[in-house]
Amino acid sequence: MTDYPPGPIGAALRAADARDQRPASGRHTADTITDDELDQLYAALRDARGEADRYFHNGLKSTGQADMRAYDAEQRAKQAEAALARVRAVAEELIKHGCPWSGDTPGAGRAVLAALNQQKEN
């Protein structure tokens, strides 16, 4: 152990020796880190956490928007399926009873169902 002179010169020599004893990797230990270096590490940690939070929240926002688009598409698909069911019901009525307002035969209902079934297969 080295004896240092008292006062500011001794403090400077101790700090220089402590700095020189740091591992080559630049990694600090509890014995070698200075207050300023520790403050810099905490500032870097705070910045990294802030950036990670921004990425996380932006990811949630993107995920939420994708979820809303998927929900909207699902609702439109349900509405289309319901509309097709109503058209099928009308076609079934046309097959059973014909077209009362034009005197048409039940063939109109079969034509509608055939068109719907063709679309369903594609």
N, C-alpha and C. Protein backbone atom coordinates (compact mmCIF):
# COMPACT_ATOMS: atom_id res chain seq x y z
N MET A 1 0.85 -1.18 0.00
CA MET A 1 0.00 0.00 0.00
C MET A 1 0.89 1.24 0.00
N THR A 2 0.52 2.18 -0.84
CA THR A 2 1.31 3.39 -0.99
C THR A 2 0.84 4.43 0.02
N ASP A 3 1.81 5.13 0.58
CA ASP A 3 1.49 6.26 1.46
C ASP A 3 1.42 7.52 0.62
N TYR A 4 0.32 8.27 0.77
CA TYR A 4 0.14 9.49 0.02
C TYR A 4 0.32 10.67 0.95
N PRO A 5 0.81 11.76 0.42
CA PRO A 5 0.95 12.96 1.26
C PRO A 5 -0.44 13.50 1.59
N PRO A 6 -0.56 14.19 2.68
CA PRO A 6 -1.87 14.76 3.03
C PRO A 6 -2.23 15.90 2.07
N GLY A 7 -3.50 16.20 2.03
CA GLY A 7 -3.97 17.35 1.26
C GLY A 7 -4.36 17.00 -0.16
N PRO A 8 -4.53 18.02 -0.97
CA PRO A 8 -5.04 17.83 -2.32
C PRO A 8 -4.08 17.06 -3.23
N ILE A 9 -2.80 17.18 -3.00
CA ILE A 9 -1.85 16.44 -3.84
C ILE A 9 -2.00 14.94 -3.58
N GLY A 10 -2.13 14.55 -2.33
CA GLY A 10 -2.33 13.15 -2.01
C GLY A 10 -3.64 12.62 -2.59
N ALA A 11 -4.69 13.43 -2.54
CA ALA A 11 -5.98 13.02 -3.10
C ALA A 11 -5.86 12.82 -4.61
N ALA A 12 -5.13 13.71 -5.27
CA ALA A 12 -4.94 13.59 -6.72
C ALA A 12 -4.14 12.34 -7.05
N LEU A 13 -3.13 12.05 -6.26
CA LEU A 13 -2.32 10.85 -6.49
C LEU A 13 -3.15 9.57 -6.26
N ARG A 14 -3.96 9.59 -5.22
CA ARG A 14 -4.82 8.42 -4.96
C ARG A 14 -5.80 8.20 -6.12
N ALA A 15 -6.40 9.30 -6.62
CA ALA A 15 -7.34 9.19 -7.73
C ALA A 15 -6.64 8.68 -8.99
N ALA A 16 -5.41 9.15 -9.23
CA ALA A 16 -4.67 8.70 -10.41
C ALA A 16 -4.34 7.21 -10.30
N ASP A 17 -3.92 6.79 -9.11
CA ASP A 17 -3.63 5.36 -8.92
C ASP A 17 -4.89 4.51 -9.07
N ALA A 18 -5.99 5.00 -8.55
CA ALA A 18 -7.25 4.26 -8.66
C ALA A 18 -7.66 4.14 -10.13
N ARG A 19 -7.47 5.25 -10.85
CA ARG A 19 -7.81 5.24 -12.27
C ARG A 19 -6.93 4.24 -13.03
N ASP A 20 -5.67 4.18 -12.70
CA ASP A 20 -4.74 3.27 -13.37
C ASP A 20 -5.00 1.81 -13.02
N GLN A 21 -5.68 1.55 -11.92
CA GLN A 21 -5.92 0.18 -11.50
C GLN A 21 -7.18 -0.41 -12.13
N ARG A 22 -7.91 0.40 -12.88
CA ARG A 22 -9.11 -0.12 -13.54
C ARG A 22 -8.74 -1.20 -14.53
N PRO A 23 -9.59 -2.21 -14.68
CA PRO A 23 -9.34 -3.24 -15.69
C PRO A 23 -9.27 -2.63 -17.09
N ALA A 24 -8.59 -3.28 -17.99
CA ALA A 24 -8.42 -2.79 -19.35
C ALA A 24 -9.76 -2.67 -20.09
N SER A 25 -10.75 -3.44 -19.66
CA SER A 25 -12.05 -3.39 -20.32
C SER A 25 -12.78 -2.08 -20.07
N GLY A 26 -12.29 -1.28 -19.13
CA GLY A 26 -12.95 -0.03 -18.81
C GLY A 26 -14.12 -0.21 -17.86
N ARG A 27 -14.32 -1.42 -17.40
CA ARG A 27 -15.42 -1.69 -16.47
C ARG A 27 -15.05 -1.16 -15.10
N HIS A 28 -15.97 -0.45 -14.50
CA HIS A 28 -15.72 0.13 -13.19
C HIS A 28 -16.03 -0.88 -12.09
N THR A 29 -15.37 -0.71 -10.99
CA THR A 29 -15.71 -1.46 -9.78
C THR A 29 -16.15 -0.44 -8.74
N ALA A 30 -16.69 -0.94 -7.66
CA ALA A 30 -17.15 -0.04 -6.60
C ALA A 30 -15.99 0.77 -6.03
N ASP A 31 -14.80 0.22 -6.09
CA ASP A 31 -13.63 0.92 -5.54
C ASP A 31 -13.04 1.94 -6.50
N THR A 32 -13.31 1.80 -7.80
CA THR A 32 -12.62 2.66 -8.76
C THR A 32 -13.51 3.70 -9.42
N ILE A 33 -14.81 3.60 -9.30
CA ILE A 33 -15.69 4.54 -10.01
C ILE A 33 -15.77 5.86 -9.25
N THR A 34 -15.76 6.94 -9.99
CA THR A 34 -15.88 8.27 -9.37
C THR A 34 -17.35 8.69 -9.38
N ASP A 35 -17.67 9.72 -8.63
CA ASP A 35 -19.04 10.21 -8.59
C ASP A 35 -19.51 10.67 -9.97
N ASP A 36 -18.63 11.37 -10.68
CA ASP A 36 -19.00 11.85 -12.02
C ASP A 36 -19.26 10.68 -12.98
N GLU A 37 -18.43 9.66 -12.92
CA GLU A 37 -18.62 8.49 -13.78
C GLU A 37 -19.91 7.75 -13.42
N LEU A 38 -20.20 7.67 -12.13
CA LEU A 38 -21.44 7.03 -11.69
C LEU A 38 -22.65 7.84 -12.17
N ASP A 39 -22.55 9.15 -12.07
CA ASP A 39 -23.64 10.00 -12.58
C ASP A 39 -23.84 9.79 -14.09
N GLN A 40 -22.74 9.66 -14.84
CA GLN A 40 -22.85 9.42 -16.28
C GLN A 40 -23.51 8.07 -16.56
N LEU A 41 -23.16 7.06 -15.76
CA LEU A 41 -23.78 5.75 -15.94
C LEU A 41 -25.28 5.80 -15.66
N TYR A 42 -25.66 6.51 -14.59
CA TYR A 42 -27.08 6.64 -14.29
C TYR A 42 -27.81 7.42 -15.39
N ALA A 43 -27.17 8.45 -15.93
CA ALA A 43 -27.78 9.22 -17.01
C ALA A 43 -27.96 8.33 -18.25
N ALA A 44 -26.95 7.52 -18.56
CA ALA A 44 -27.05 6.60 -19.71
C ALA A 44 -28.16 5.58 -19.47
N LEU A 45 -28.27 5.09 -18.25
CA LEU A 45 -29.33 4.13 -17.92
C LEU A 45 -30.70 4.78 -18.06
N ARG A 46 -30.84 6.00 -17.57
CA ARG A 46 -32.11 6.72 -17.68
C ARG A 46 -32.48 6.94 -19.15
N ASP A 47 -31.51 7.32 -19.97
CA ASP A 47 -31.76 7.52 -21.40
C ASP A 47 -32.17 6.21 -22.07
N ALA A 48 -31.48 5.13 -21.73
CA ALA A 48 -31.80 3.83 -22.32
C ALA A 48 -33.20 3.38 -21.91
N ARG A 49 -33.55 3.60 -20.67
CA ARG A 49 -34.90 3.24 -20.22
C ARG A 49 -35.96 4.06 -20.95
N GLY A 50 -35.68 5.34 -21.13
CA GLY A 50 -36.62 6.20 -21.86
C GLY A 50 -36.80 5.73 -23.29
N GLU A 51 -35.71 5.37 -23.94
CA GLU A 51 -35.79 4.89 -25.31
C GLU A 51 -36.54 3.55 -25.37
N ALA A 52 -36.27 2.67 -24.42
CA ALA A 52 -36.97 1.38 -24.37
C ALA A 52 -38.46 1.60 -24.16
N ASP A 53 -38.82 2.54 -23.29
CA ASP A 53 -40.24 2.85 -23.07
C ASP A 53 -40.90 3.36 -24.35
N ARG A 54 -40.18 4.22 -25.09
CA ARG A 54 -40.74 4.74 -26.34
C ARG A 54 -40.98 3.60 -27.34
N TYR A 55 -40.00 2.71 -27.47
CA TYR A 55 -40.17 1.57 -28.37
C TYR A 55 -41.35 0.71 -27.91
N PHE A 56 -41.44 0.48 -26.61
CA PHE A 56 -42.52 -0.35 -26.08
C PHE A 56 -43.88 0.27 -26.37
N HIS A 57 -44.02 1.57 -26.07
CA HIS A 57 -45.31 2.24 -26.28
C HIS A 57 -45.65 2.36 -27.76
N ASN A 58 -44.63 2.60 -28.61
CA ASN A 58 -44.89 2.63 -30.05
C ASN A 58 -45.32 1.26 -30.53
N GLY A 59 -44.73 0.21 -29.99
CA GLY A 59 -45.13 -1.15 -30.34
C GLY A 59 -46.56 -1.43 -29.92
N LEU A 60 -46.92 -0.98 -28.71
CA LEU A 60 -48.30 -1.16 -28.26
C LEU A 60 -49.27 -0.41 -29.15
N LYS A 61 -48.87 0.80 -29.53
CA LYS A 61 -49.73 1.61 -30.40
C LYS A 61 -49.92 0.90 -31.74
N SER A 62 -48.84 0.39 -32.32
CA SER A 62 -48.93 -0.32 -33.60
C SER A 62 -49.78 -1.57 -33.45
N THR A 63 -49.58 -2.29 -32.36
CA THR A 63 -50.35 -3.51 -32.13
C THR A 63 -51.82 -3.17 -31.96
N GLY A 64 -52.09 -2.10 -31.24
CA GLY A 64 -53.48 -1.68 -31.04
C GLY A 64 -54.14 -1.30 -32.36
N GLN A 65 -53.40 -0.61 -33.23
CA GLN A 65 -53.96 -0.23 -34.52
C GLN A 65 -54.23 -1.47 -35.37
N ALA A 66 -53.31 -2.43 -35.34
CA ALA A 66 -53.50 -3.67 -36.10
C ALA A 66 -54.70 -4.44 -35.55
N ASP A 67 -54.83 -4.46 -34.23
CA ASP A 67 -55.98 -5.12 -33.62
C ASP A 67 -57.30 -4.47 -34.05
N MET A 68 -57.31 -3.14 -34.11
CA MET A 68 -58.52 -2.43 -34.52
C MET A 68 -58.85 -2.73 -35.98
N ARG A 69 -57.82 -2.77 -36.85
CA ARG A 69 -58.07 -3.10 -38.25
C ARG A 69 -58.60 -4.52 -38.38
N ALA A 70 -58.04 -5.44 -37.62
CA ALA A 70 -58.51 -6.83 -37.66
C ALA A 70 -59.95 -6.92 -37.16
N TYR A 71 -60.26 -6.18 -36.09
CA TYR A 71 -61.63 -6.17 -35.56
C TYR A 71 -62.59 -5.61 -36.60
N ASP A 72 -62.20 -4.49 -37.24
CA ASP A 72 -63.05 -3.89 -38.27
C ASP A 72 -63.28 -4.86 -39.43
N ALA A 73 -62.23 -5.55 -39.84
CA ALA A 73 -62.37 -6.51 -40.94
C ALA A 73 -63.28 -7.66 -40.54
N GLU A 74 -63.15 -8.09 -39.30
CA GLU A 74 -64.02 -9.17 -38.81
C GLU A 74 -65.47 -8.72 -38.80
N GLN A 75 -65.73 -7.50 -38.38
CA GLN A 75 -67.10 -6.98 -38.36
C GLN A 75 -67.66 -6.87 -39.77
N ARG A 76 -66.84 -6.41 -40.73
CA ARG A 76 -67.31 -6.32 -42.12
C ARG A 76 -67.60 -7.71 -42.67
N ALA A 77 -66.76 -8.69 -42.32
CA ALA A 77 -67.00 -10.07 -42.78
C ALA A 77 -68.31 -10.60 -42.21
N LYS A 78 -68.57 -10.32 -40.95
CA LYS A 78 -69.83 -10.76 -40.34
C LYS A 78 -71.03 -10.10 -41.01
N GLN A 79 -70.89 -8.81 -41.32
CA GLN A 79 -71.98 -8.10 -42.01
C GLN A 79 -72.21 -8.69 -43.40
N ALA A 80 -71.13 -9.00 -44.10
CA ALA A 80 -71.26 -9.60 -45.44
C ALA A 80 -71.91 -10.98 -45.35
N GLU A 81 -71.52 -11.76 -44.35
CA GLU A 81 -72.13 -13.08 -44.17
C GLU A 81 -73.63 -12.96 -43.86
N ALA A 82 -73.97 -11.98 -43.05
CA ALA A 82 -75.39 -11.77 -42.73
C ALA A 82 -76.17 -11.34 -43.98
N ALA A 83 -75.56 -10.47 -44.81
CA ALA A 83 -76.22 -10.05 -46.04
C ALA A 83 -76.41 -11.24 -46.98
N LEU A 84 -75.39 -12.09 -47.07
CA LEU A 84 -75.52 -13.29 -47.91
C LEU A 84 -76.63 -14.20 -47.38
N ALA A 85 -76.74 -14.32 -46.09
CA ALA A 85 -77.80 -15.15 -45.51
C ALA A 85 -79.17 -14.59 -45.87
N ARG A 86 -79.31 -13.25 -45.84
CA ARG A 86 -80.60 -12.64 -46.21
C ARG A 86 -80.91 -12.88 -47.69
N VAL A 87 -79.89 -12.77 -48.54
CA VAL A 87 -80.10 -13.00 -49.97
C VAL A 87 -80.48 -14.45 -50.20
N ARG A 88 -79.82 -15.37 -49.49
CA ARG A 88 -80.16 -16.79 -49.62
C ARG A 88 -81.63 -17.04 -49.21
N ALA A 89 -82.04 -16.38 -48.15
CA ALA A 89 -83.43 -16.54 -47.69
C ALA A 89 -84.41 -16.05 -48.75
N VAL A 90 -84.10 -14.91 -49.37
CA VAL A 90 -84.96 -14.39 -50.44
C VAL A 90 -84.96 -15.36 -51.62
N ALA A 91 -83.79 -15.90 -51.95
CA ALA A 91 -83.71 -16.86 -53.06
C ALA A 91 -84.54 -18.11 -52.75
N GLU A 92 -84.49 -18.56 -51.52
CA GLU A 92 -85.29 -19.74 -51.14
C GLU A 92 -86.79 -19.43 -51.29
N GLU A 93 -87.18 -18.22 -50.92
CA GLU A 93 -88.58 -17.82 -51.09
C GLU A 93 -88.96 -17.77 -52.57
N LEU A 94 -88.05 -17.29 -53.40
CA LEU A 94 -88.32 -17.25 -54.83
C LEU A 94 -88.47 -18.66 -55.40
N ILE A 95 -87.66 -19.59 -54.88
CA ILE A 95 -87.75 -20.97 -55.36
C ILE A 95 -89.11 -21.56 -54.97
N LYS A 96 -89.54 -21.30 -53.75
CA LYS A 96 -90.80 -21.87 -53.26
C LYS A 96 -92.01 -21.23 -53.91
N HIS A 97 -91.99 -19.90 -54.05
CA HIS A 97 -93.22 -19.19 -54.43
C HIS A 97 -93.10 -18.42 -55.73
N GLY A 98 -91.96 -18.36 -56.33
CA GLY A 98 -91.80 -17.56 -57.54
C GLY A 98 -91.69 -16.09 -57.18
N CYS A 99 -91.68 -15.27 -58.16
CA CYS A 99 -91.53 -13.82 -57.97
C CYS A 99 -92.91 -13.19 -58.08
N PRO A 100 -93.56 -12.84 -56.95
CA PRO A 100 -94.95 -12.38 -57.01
C PRO A 100 -95.13 -11.06 -57.73
N TRP A 101 -94.16 -10.18 -57.74
CA TRP A 101 -94.37 -8.88 -58.36
C TRP A 101 -94.18 -8.89 -59.87
N SER A 102 -93.56 -9.97 -60.41
CA SER A 102 -93.41 -10.00 -61.86
C SER A 102 -94.04 -11.24 -62.49
N GLY A 103 -94.56 -12.13 -61.67
CA GLY A 103 -95.14 -13.34 -62.18
C GLY A 103 -94.10 -14.34 -62.66
N ASP A 104 -92.84 -14.15 -62.27
CA ASP A 104 -91.75 -15.01 -62.71
C ASP A 104 -91.88 -16.40 -62.09
N THR A 105 -91.22 -17.34 -62.67
CA THR A 105 -91.22 -18.71 -62.17
C THR A 105 -90.14 -18.86 -61.11
N PRO A 106 -90.13 -19.99 -60.37
CA PRO A 106 -89.12 -20.20 -59.33
C PRO A 106 -87.67 -20.24 -59.83
N GLY A 107 -87.46 -20.20 -61.12
CA GLY A 107 -86.10 -20.25 -61.65
C GLY A 107 -85.23 -19.07 -61.22
N ALA A 108 -85.84 -17.91 -60.92
CA ALA A 108 -85.07 -16.74 -60.49
C ALA A 108 -84.35 -17.03 -59.18
N GLY A 109 -85.01 -17.71 -58.26
CA GLY A 109 -84.38 -18.06 -56.98
C GLY A 109 -83.22 -19.01 -57.17
N ARG A 110 -83.39 -19.98 -58.09
CA ARG A 110 -82.30 -20.92 -58.36
C ARG A 110 -81.10 -20.20 -58.98
N ALA A 111 -81.36 -19.23 -59.83
CA ALA A 111 -80.27 -18.46 -60.45
C ALA A 111 -79.50 -17.66 -59.40
N VAL A 112 -80.22 -17.07 -58.45
CA VAL A 112 -79.56 -16.32 -57.37
C VAL A 112 -78.70 -17.25 -56.52
N LEU A 113 -79.27 -18.39 -56.12
CA LEU A 113 -78.51 -19.35 -55.30
C LEU A 113 -77.31 -19.89 -56.06
N ALA A 114 -77.48 -20.15 -57.34
CA ALA A 114 -76.35 -20.64 -58.14
C ALA A 114 -75.23 -19.61 -58.17
N ALA A 115 -75.58 -18.35 -58.33
CA ALA A 115 -74.57 -17.29 -58.33
C ALA A 115 -73.87 -17.19 -56.98
N LEU A 116 -74.64 -17.29 -55.89
CA LEU A 116 -74.03 -17.24 -54.56
C LEU A 116 -73.13 -18.43 -54.31
N ASN A 117 -73.57 -19.60 -54.70
CA ASN A 117 -72.76 -20.79 -54.51
C ASN A 117 -71.47 -20.75 -55.34
N GLN A 118 -71.56 -20.19 -56.52
CA GLN A 118 -70.37 -20.06 -57.36
C GLN A 118 -69.37 -19.13 -56.68
N GLN A 119 -69.84 -18.03 -56.14
CA GLN A 119 -68.97 -17.09 -55.42
C GLN A 119 -68.35 -17.76 -54.19
N LYS A 120 -69.14 -18.58 -53.50
CA LYS A 120 -68.69 -19.24 -52.29
C LYS A 120 -67.56 -20.22 -52.60
N GLU A 121 -67.61 -20.88 -53.76
CA GLU A 121 -66.58 -21.85 -54.13
C GLU A 121 -65.28 -21.18 -54.48
N ASN A 122 -65.31 -19.95 -55.00
CA ASN A 122 -64.08 -19.25 -55.40
C ASN A 122 -63.34 -18.74 -54.25
